[in-house]
Amino acid sequence: MERTQIYLTSEQKAALEALSRMRSVPMADVVREAVSEYLARAGAEYRLKVLEETFASVPEWRAVDGVEYVRALRSGWAKREKEIRGHGSEGRSGQEAE
């Protein structure tokens, strides 16, 4: 941990002191928790903003139905799994299919 110094309003300090007394933890713990929650929320808000700003930014994808695209991708999974399992069982037994 690194030591830092911040300026708080009287109201902020009183609220932090009240929380720390209520939880029976040092005020520094309350501040660290608040900063962590703020940073997590700010990171999520940033990611959402980036997604909103880039939504439909690839012209070729604008006409693509995302649900149908995913269904098409998934439709090949069962076939691919059979192929993999088929080859995997041959490799384990040391025998090839005739």
C-alpha atoms as a PDB file:
ATOM      1  CA  MET A   1       0.000   0.000   0.000  1.00  0.00           C
ATOM      2  CA  GLU A   2       1.024   3.545  -0.547  1.00  0.00           C
ATOM      3  CA  ARG A   3       0.328   6.421   1.746  1.00  0.00           C
ATOM      4  CA  THR A   4      -1.518   9.405   0.302  1.00  0.00           C
ATOM      5  CA  GLN A   5      -3.130  12.547   1.579  1.00  0.00           C
ATOM      6  CA  ILE A   6      -6.478  13.972   0.473  1.00  0.00           C
ATOM      7  CA  TYR A   7      -8.641  16.935   1.386  1.00  0.00           C
ATOM      8  CA  LEU A   8     -12.235  16.246   2.392  1.00  0.00           C
ATOM      9  CA  THR A   9     -15.107  18.528   3.240  1.00  0.00           C
ATOM     10  CA  SER A  10     -16.214  18.501   6.861  1.00  0.00           C
ATOM     11  CA  GLU A  11     -19.348  16.625   5.830  1.00  0.00           C
ATOM     12  CA  GLN A  12     -17.390  13.959   3.947  1.00  0.00           C
ATOM     13  CA  LYS A  13     -15.033  13.396   6.871  1.00  0.00           C
ATOM     14  CA  ALA A  14     -17.916  13.186   9.352  1.00  0.00           C
ATOM     15  CA  ALA A  15     -19.735  10.668   7.157  1.00  0.00           C
ATOM     16  CA  LEU A  16     -16.596   8.540   6.782  1.00  0.00           C
ATOM     17  CA  GLU A  17     -15.947   8.642  10.520  1.00  0.00           C
ATOM     18  CA  ALA A  18     -19.547   7.577  11.194  1.00  0.00           C
ATOM     19  CA  LEU A  19     -19.246   4.671   8.761  1.00  0.00           C
ATOM     20  CA  SER A  20     -15.953   3.551  10.242  1.00  0.00           C
ATOM     21  CA  ARG A  21     -17.408   3.630  13.778  1.00  0.00           C
ATOM     22  CA  MET A  22     -20.531   1.762  12.639  1.00  0.00           C
ATOM     23  CA  ARG A  23     -18.421  -0.949  10.978  1.00  0.00           C
ATOM     24  CA  SER A  24     -15.699  -0.925  13.644  1.00  0.00           C
ATOM     25  CA  VAL A  25     -12.991  -0.501  11.027  1.00  0.00           C
ATOM     26  CA  PRO A  26     -10.438   2.228  10.417  1.00  0.00           C
ATOM     27  CA  MET A  27     -11.561   5.153   8.281  1.00  0.00           C
ATOM     28  CA  ALA A  28      -8.796   4.249   5.823  1.00  0.00           C
ATOM     29  CA  ASP A  29     -10.572   0.924   5.148  1.00  0.00           C
ATOM     30  CA  VAL A  30     -13.791   2.767   4.344  1.00  0.00           C
ATOM     31  CA  VAL A  31     -11.948   5.139   2.006  1.00  0.00           C
ATOM     32  CA  ARG A  32     -10.136   2.283   0.214  1.00  0.00           C
ATOM     33  CA  GLU A  33     -13.409   0.415  -0.242  1.00  0.00           C
ATOM     34  CA  ALA A  34     -15.109   3.536  -1.617  1.00  0.00           C
ATOM     35  CA  VAL A  35     -12.237   4.196  -4.026  1.00  0.00           C
ATOM     36  CA  SER A  36     -12.280   0.574  -5.227  1.00  0.00           C
ATOM     37  CA  GLU A  37     -16.031   0.702  -5.857  1.00  0.00           C
ATOM     38  CA  TYR A  38     -15.692   4.014  -7.677  1.00  0.00           C
ATOM     39  CA  LEU A  39     -12.894   2.711  -9.896  1.00  0.00           C
ATOM     40  CA  ALA A  40     -14.820  -0.471 -10.741  1.00  0.00           C
ATOM     41  CA  ARG A  41     -17.915   1.549 -11.642  1.00  0.00           C
ATOM     42  CA  ALA A  42     -15.883   4.081 -13.641  1.00  0.00           C
ATOM     43  CA  GLY A  43     -14.212   1.241 -15.559  1.00  0.00           C
ATOM     44  CA  ALA A  44     -17.573  -0.320 -16.387  1.00  0.00           C
ATOM     45  CA  GLU A  45     -18.964   3.053 -17.455  1.00  0.00           C
ATOM     46  CA  TYR A  46     -15.933   3.607 -19.692  1.00  0.00           C
ATOM     47  CA  ARG A  47     -16.347   0.200 -21.353  1.00  0.00           C
ATOM     48  CA  LEU A  48     -20.051   0.874 -21.930  1.00  0.00           C
ATOM     49  CA  LYS A  49     -19.243   4.279 -23.425  1.00  0.00           C
ATOM     50  CA  VAL A  50     -16.726   2.720 -25.807  1.00  0.00           C
ATOM     51  CA  LEU A  51     -19.260   0.091 -26.846  1.00  0.00           C
ATOM     52  CA  GLU A  52     -21.925   2.729 -27.427  1.00  0.00           C
ATOM     53  CA  GLU A  53     -19.540   4.870 -29.468  1.00  0.00           C
ATOM     54  CA  THR A  54     -18.406   1.970 -31.638  1.00  0.00           C
ATOM     55  CA  PHE A  55     -21.763   0.215 -32.048  1.00  0.00           C
ATOM     56  CA  ALA A  56     -22.362  -0.564 -35.732  1.00  0.00           C
ATOM     57  CA  SER A  57     -19.030   0.979 -36.678  1.00  0.00           C
ATOM     58  CA  VAL A  58     -18.185  -1.887 -39.055  1.00  0.00           C
ATOM     59  CA  PRO A  59     -20.306  -1.240 -42.161  1.00  0.00           C
ATOM     60  CA  GLU A  60     -20.267  -4.901 -43.243  1.00  0.00           C
ATOM     61  CA  TRP A  61     -21.912  -5.938 -39.963  1.00  0.00           C
ATOM     62  CA  ARG A  62     -24.790  -3.455 -39.990  1.00  0.00           C
ATOM     63  CA  ALA A  63     -27.058  -5.722 -41.993  1.00  0.00           C
ATOM     64  CA  VAL A  64     -26.112  -8.872 -40.051  1.00  0.00           C
ATOM     65  CA  ASP A  65     -28.621 -10.262 -37.576  1.00  0.00           C
ATOM     66  CA  GLY A  66     -26.463 -11.084 -34.562  1.00  0.00           C
ATOM     67  CA  VAL A  67     -28.770 -13.815 -33.270  1.00  0.00           C
ATOM     68  CA  GLU A  68     -28.877 -15.599 -36.616  1.00  0.00           C
ATOM     69  CA  TYR A  69     -25.117 -15.255 -36.992  1.00  0.00           C
ATOM     70  CA  VAL A  70     -24.511 -16.910 -33.619  1.00  0.00           C
ATOM     71  CA  ARG A  71     -27.017 -19.675 -34.406  1.00  0.00           C
ATOM     72  CA  ALA A  72     -25.181 -20.366 -37.656  1.00  0.00           C
ATOM     73  CA  LEU A  73     -21.874 -20.570 -35.805  1.00  0.00           C
ATOM     74  CA  ARG A  74     -23.309 -22.893 -33.182  1.00  0.00           C
ATOM     75  CA  SER A  75     -24.942 -25.164 -35.733  1.00  0.00           C
ATOM     76  CA  GLY A  76     -21.517 -26.442 -36.738  1.00  0.00           C
ATOM     77  CA  TRP A  77     -20.474 -27.225 -33.180  1.00  0.00           C
ATOM     78  CA  ALA A  78     -22.160 -30.637 -32.951  1.00  0.00           C
ATOM     79  CA  LYS A  79     -20.597 -31.765 -36.222  1.00  0.00           C
ATOM     80  CA  ARG A  80     -17.167 -30.489 -35.171  1.00  0.00           C
ATOM     81  CA  GLU A  81     -17.482 -32.142 -31.758  1.00  0.00           C
ATOM     82  CA  LYS A  82     -18.257 -35.493 -33.408  1.00  0.00           C
ATOM     83  CA  GLU A  83     -15.235 -35.089 -35.650  1.00  0.00           C
ATOM     84  CA  ILE A  84     -12.993 -34.289 -32.699  1.00  0.00           C
ATOM     85  CA  ARG A  85     -14.329 -37.082 -30.522  1.00  0.00           C
ATOM     86  CA  GLY A  86     -14.079 -39.542 -33.403  1.00  0.00           C
ATOM     87  CA  HIS A  87     -10.439 -38.684 -33.994  1.00  0.00           C
ATOM     88  CA  GLY A  88      -9.754 -38.554 -30.267  1.00  0.00           C
ATOM     89  CA  SER A  89     -11.020 -42.091 -29.628  1.00  0.00           C
ATOM     90  CA  GLU A  90      -8.918 -43.459 -32.512  1.00  0.00           C
ATOM     91  CA  GLY A  91      -5.812 -41.865 -31.085  1.00  0.00           C
ATOM     92  CA  ARG A  92      -6.402 -43.316 -27.627  1.00  0.00           C
ATOM     93  CA  SER A  93      -6.964 -46.898 -28.704  1.00  0.00           C
ATOM     94  CA  GLY A  94      -4.139 -46.888 -31.226  1.00  0.00           C
ATOM     95  CA  GLN A  95      -6.469 -48.333 -33.883  1.00  0.00           C
ATOM     96  CA  GLU A  96      -7.764 -46.587 -36.935  1.00  0.00           C
ATOM     97  CA  ALA A  97     -11.310 -46.949 -38.207  1.00  0.00           C
ATOM     98  CA  GLU A  98     -11.714 -49.248 -41.189  1.00  0.00           C
END
